[in-house]
């Protein structure tokens, strides 16, 4: 997975060339990476989309979340009202 970055103007991934970044999403609150992809919270809906690097698209994979983390091949998310923790294989 390429290096990722977060700025107020959006989310970007490193191109592999030092100092060259490609914006892949507008403003977001939180991002996290797994060994295979990038996740970010949607600032409008609160949902958790996953980035498809080859298609350069985002797909919602979960309901609104409060927080999330990926550890190895699992993604954990706390739902928006903090009443449940979910886990999914990546």
Protein backbone atom coordinates (compact mmCIF):
# COMPACT_ATOMS: atom_id res chain seq x y z
CA UNK A 1 0.00 0.00 0.00
CA UNK A 2 1.23 3.44 -0.83
CA UNK A 3 1.88 6.06 1.78
CA UNK A 4 -1.21 8.06 2.75
CA UNK A 5 -1.66 11.57 4.00
CA UNK A 6 -4.44 13.75 5.41
CA UNK A 7 -4.78 17.48 4.88
CA UNK A 8 -7.64 19.92 5.28
CA UNK A 9 -8.00 19.94 1.48
CA UNK A 10 -8.41 16.18 1.25
CA UNK A 11 -6.93 12.72 1.41
CA UNK A 12 -4.01 11.76 -0.84
CA UNK A 13 -1.89 8.72 -1.60
CA UNK A 14 1.79 8.73 -2.40
CA UNK A 15 2.71 7.97 -5.99
CA UNK A 16 5.96 6.21 -5.19
CA UNK A 17 7.91 9.28 -6.33
CA UNK A 18 9.18 11.39 -3.42
CA UNK A 19 7.02 14.48 -2.96
CA UNK A 20 4.36 13.45 -5.51
CA UNK A 21 0.88 12.86 -4.09
CA UNK A 22 -2.48 12.19 -5.74
CA UNK A 23 -5.68 13.43 -4.12
CA UNK A 24 -8.20 10.58 -3.81
CA UNK A 25 -10.88 12.16 -1.61
CA UNK A 26 -12.04 15.53 -0.37
CA UNK A 27 -12.10 16.49 3.28
CA UNK A 28 -12.45 13.64 5.75
CA UNK A 29 -12.25 13.33 9.52
CA UNK A 30 -10.28 10.11 9.89
CA UNK A 31 -8.36 7.69 7.70
CA UNK A 32 -6.74 4.34 8.30
CA UNK A 33 -4.93 1.83 6.14
CA UNK A 34 -4.81 -1.92 6.04
CA UNK A 35 -2.27 -4.03 4.18
CA UNK A 36 -4.47 -3.79 1.08
CA UNK A 37 -6.53 -0.59 1.11
CA UNK A 38 -7.49 2.77 2.61
CA UNK A 39 -10.56 3.66 4.71
CA UNK A 40 -11.94 7.11 5.55
CA UNK A 41 -14.94 8.50 7.35
CA UNK A 42 -17.45 10.35 5.18
CA UNK A 43 -17.89 13.82 6.70
CA UNK A 44 -21.52 14.07 5.51
CA UNK A 45 -22.96 10.64 6.34
CA UNK A 46 -20.45 9.36 8.90
CA UNK A 47 -20.30 6.10 6.96
CA UNK A 48 -17.11 4.14 6.42
CA UNK A 49 -16.05 3.92 2.77
CA UNK A 50 -13.25 1.78 1.39
CA UNK A 51 -10.96 2.96 -1.44
CA UNK A 52 -10.52 0.78 -4.52
CA UNK A 53 -7.11 1.82 -5.80
CA UNK A 54 -7.42 0.15 -9.22
CA UNK A 55 -10.85 1.70 -9.96
CA UNK A 56 -10.12 4.92 -8.03
CA UNK A 57 -13.54 4.75 -6.39
CA UNK A 58 -14.92 4.70 -2.84
CA UNK A 59 -17.57 2.20 -1.67
CA UNK A 60 -19.47 2.42 1.62
CA UNK A 61 -18.78 -0.74 3.59
CA UNK A 62 -20.47 0.17 6.85
CA UNK A 63 -23.01 2.25 8.68
CA UNK A 64 -21.97 5.49 10.38
CA UNK A 65 -19.04 4.94 12.74
CA UNK A 66 -17.55 6.75 15.71
CA UNK A 67 -14.09 5.27 15.24
CA UNK A 68 -12.31 2.43 13.46
CA UNK A 69 -8.96 0.70 13.18
CA UNK A 70 -7.42 -2.02 11.05
CA UNK A 71 -5.14 -4.59 12.63
CA UNK A 72 -3.47 -7.01 10.23
CA UNK A 73 -6.34 -8.58 8.28
CA UNK A 74 -9.26 -7.32 10.43
CA UNK A 75 -11.18 -4.05 10.51
CA UNK A 76 -12.82 -3.01 13.78
CA UNK A 77 -15.42 -0.25 14.02
CA UNK A 78 -17.36 1.37 16.87
CA UNK A 79 -20.82 2.39 15.68
CA UNK A 80 -21.96 6.02 15.83
CA UNK A 81 -23.78 5.75 19.18
CA UNK A 82 -20.90 3.71 20.67
CA UNK A 83 -23.18 0.80 21.58
CA UNK A 84 -21.48 -1.86 19.44
CA UNK A 85 -18.09 -2.89 18.11
CA UNK A 86 -18.01 -4.74 14.80
CA UNK A 87 -15.19 -6.75 13.24
CA UNK A 88 -14.75 -7.75 9.62
CA UNK A 89 -12.15 -9.77 7.73
CA UNK A 90 -10.29 -7.76 5.12
